């Protein structure tokens, strides 16, 4: 079980940073295709992808966006945060096996417990694959919680 603490609005500071890491595997791409319904062959068919400008299969762009959501939900501000909006700019493809680091930075505290957060996803070479900004409603109260365990999932 994973224990996490949030950062309530009163404790947020401009310039405050957090990060979140995940390696993108075959299972992630298969599950994302299943959940989202995005079965674009560039993500799922190696032969098709070989004929594209990427020359190989790539992960769904929104998989990186989902990792930003996970970082906000579990690190900064963390549990209790409500997502209000997100801008994304995809700058490089994500390949199977890439280790991604989501970087978050508080850019501005807004009225009514809202905050503007810079969001960036880097690959293992330190290259940005996604850049953007999120607006969130930060939690009012400090929380120290155990994240729920996920049930095992089988593809097929």
Protein backbone atom coordinates (compact mmCIF):
# COMPACT_ATOMS: atom_id res chain seq x y z
CA UNK A 1 0.00 0.00 0.00
CA UNK A 2 1.17 3.51 -0.80
CA UNK A 3 0.81 6.30 1.74
CA UNK A 4 0.56 9.87 0.39
CA UNK A 5 0.08 13.34 1.79
CA UNK A 6 -1.42 16.26 -0.06
CA UNK A 7 -0.45 19.92 -0.05
CA UNK A 8 -3.51 22.00 0.85
CA UNK A 9 -4.03 25.39 -0.76
CA UNK A 10 -2.73 27.29 2.28
CA UNK A 11 0.62 25.45 2.00
CA UNK A 12 1.08 25.84 -1.76
CA UNK A 13 3.87 28.21 -2.76
CA UNK A 14 4.75 29.64 -6.15
CA UNK A 15 7.80 27.75 -7.40
CA UNK A 16 6.97 24.61 -5.42
CA UNK A 17 7.78 21.47 -7.43
CA UNK A 18 7.06 17.75 -7.47
CA UNK A 19 7.70 14.87 -9.85
CA UNK A 20 6.25 11.47 -10.71
CA UNK A 21 7.86 8.67 -12.75
CA UNK A 22 6.59 5.78 -14.81
CA UNK A 23 8.04 3.53 -17.49
CA UNK A 24 5.69 2.99 -20.43
CA UNK A 25 5.26 -0.68 -21.23
CA UNK A 26 3.33 -2.78 -23.69
CA UNK A 27 0.63 -3.44 -21.10
CA UNK A 28 0.11 0.31 -20.58
CA UNK A 29 -0.49 0.83 -24.30
CA UNK A 30 -2.87 -2.13 -24.54
CA UNK A 31 -4.85 -1.05 -21.47
CA UNK A 32 -5.00 2.59 -22.60
CA UNK A 33 -6.30 1.48 -26.02
CA UNK A 34 -8.96 -0.65 -24.30
CA UNK A 35 -10.09 2.04 -21.87
CA UNK A 36 -10.01 4.95 -24.32
CA UNK A 37 -11.18 3.11 -27.42
CA UNK A 38 -8.23 4.65 -29.35
CA UNK A 39 -7.08 1.78 -31.56
CA UNK A 40 -5.01 3.85 -33.97
CA UNK A 41 -2.64 1.32 -35.57
CA UNK A 42 0.40 3.55 -34.93
CA UNK A 43 0.01 2.47 -31.28
CA UNK A 44 -0.89 -1.20 -31.81
CA UNK A 45 0.42 -2.49 -35.16
CA UNK A 46 4.22 -2.67 -35.62
CA UNK A 47 3.98 -3.26 -39.39
CA UNK A 48 1.73 -0.23 -39.87
CA UNK A 49 3.85 1.94 -37.56
CA UNK A 50 7.04 1.04 -39.49
CA UNK A 51 5.60 2.93 -42.47
CA UNK A 52 4.95 6.12 -40.49
CA UNK A 53 7.30 9.01 -39.73
CA UNK A 54 7.91 7.40 -36.30
CA UNK A 55 9.18 4.10 -37.86
CA UNK A 56 7.91 2.18 -34.83
CA UNK A 57 4.92 1.96 -32.51
CA UNK A 58 4.42 4.89 -30.15
CA UNK A 59 2.33 5.41 -27.04
CA UNK A 60 -0.91 7.37 -27.15
CA UNK A 61 -0.28 11.08 -26.52
CA UNK A 62 -3.06 11.18 -23.96
CA UNK A 63 -1.33 8.44 -21.99
CA UNK A 64 1.23 11.11 -21.10
CA UNK A 65 -1.67 13.43 -20.26
CA UNK A 66 -3.08 10.77 -17.95
CA UNK A 67 0.30 10.58 -16.18
CA UNK A 68 0.07 14.34 -15.53
CA UNK A 69 -3.32 13.71 -13.96
CA UNK A 70 -1.82 10.95 -11.81
CA UNK A 71 1.00 13.26 -10.68
CA UNK A 72 -1.44 16.01 -9.70
CA UNK A 73 -3.72 13.52 -7.93
CA UNK A 74 -0.95 11.87 -5.91
CA UNK A 75 1.85 14.43 -5.45
CA UNK A 76 1.05 18.14 -5.97
CA UNK A 77 -1.40 19.18 -4.70
CA UNK A 78 -2.32 15.51 -4.23
CA UNK A 79 -5.42 13.76 -2.89
CA UNK A 80 -8.50 15.93 -2.78
CA UNK A 81 -7.45 18.01 -5.81
CA UNK A 82 -10.08 18.70 -8.47
CA UNK A 83 -8.86 19.13 -12.06
CA UNK A 84 -10.41 22.19 -13.72
CA UNK A 85 -8.47 22.31 -16.99
CA UNK A 86 -5.30 21.34 -18.83
CA UNK A 87 -3.47 22.55 -21.92
CA UNK A 88 -1.11 20.10 -23.62
CA UNK A 89 1.46 20.40 -26.39
CA UNK A 90 2.98 17.15 -27.63
CA UNK A 91 6.61 17.75 -28.61
CA UNK A 92 8.08 14.23 -29.10
CA UNK A 93 6.75 10.70 -29.43
CA UNK A 94 6.79 8.35 -26.46
CA UNK A 95 8.10 4.89 -27.26
CA UNK A 96 7.60 1.57 -25.51
CA UNK A 97 10.16 1.36 -22.71
CA UNK A 98 10.54 5.12 -22.27
CA UNK A 99 10.90 6.19 -18.66
CA UNK A 100 8.79 9.30 -18.22
CA UNK A 101 9.12 11.91 -15.51
CA UNK A 102 6.21 14.27 -14.94
CA UNK A 103 7.39 17.59 -13.52
CA UNK A 104 4.91 19.87 -11.80
CA UNK A 105 5.50 23.46 -10.66
CA UNK A 106 3.10 25.84 -8.93
CA UNK A 107 3.03 28.90 -11.20
CA UNK A 108 0.32 30.95 -9.52
CA UNK A 109 -2.12 30.83 -6.63
CA UNK A 110 -5.51 32.03 -7.78
CA UNK A 111 -8.57 33.06 -5.78
CA UNK A 112 -10.99 30.51 -4.33
CA UNK A 113 -8.39 27.77 -3.67
CA UNK A 114 -7.42 27.48 -7.33
CA UNK A 115 -3.86 27.16 -8.60
CA UNK A 116 -2.12 27.23 -11.97
CA UNK A 117 0.45 24.46 -12.33
CA UNK A 118 3.11 24.08 -15.01
CA UNK A 119 3.17 20.52 -16.35
CA UNK A 120 5.99 18.90 -18.27
CA UNK A 121 6.73 15.30 -19.18
CA UNK A 122 10.34 14.35 -19.93
CA UNK A 123 11.73 11.11 -21.35
CA UNK A 124 14.79 9.31 -19.97
CA UNK A 125 17.04 11.59 -22.08
CA UNK A 126 15.63 14.71 -20.42
CA UNK A 127 13.75 15.66 -23.60
CA UNK A 128 10.30 17.18 -23.20
CA UNK A 129 7.58 15.01 -24.73
CA UNK A 130 4.64 17.07 -23.40
CA UNK A 131 4.40 20.62 -22.10
CA UNK A 132 1.40 22.45 -20.70
CA UNK A 133 -0.43 23.99 -17.80
CA UNK A 134 -3.16 22.79 -15.48
CA UNK A 135 -5.67 24.68 -13.41
CA UNK A 136 -6.78 22.89 -10.28
CA UNK A 137 -8.92 23.40 -7.23
CA UNK A 138 -6.53 22.60 -4.42
CA UNK A 139 -7.75 20.80 -1.32
CA UNK A 140 -8.55 22.89 1.76
CA UNK A 141 -7.59 20.27 4.32
CA UNK A 142 -4.41 18.30 4.89
CA UNK A 143 -4.87 14.62 4.04
CA UNK A 144 -2.62 11.68 4.83
CA UNK A 145 -4.16 8.69 3.10
CA UNK A 146 -3.43 5.23 1.78
CA UNK A 147 -4.05 4.93 -1.95
CA UNK A 148 -6.43 2.10 -2.87
CA UNK A 149 -4.85 -1.01 -4.38
CA UNK A 150 -5.85 -1.76 -7.95
CA UNK A 151 -7.26 -5.17 -8.84
CA UNK A 152 -5.24 -7.32 -11.23
CA UNK A 153 -6.21 -6.75 -14.85
CA UNK A 154 -5.86 -9.25 -17.64
CA UNK A 155 -5.99 -8.37 -21.33
CA UNK A 156 -7.94 -10.63 -23.56
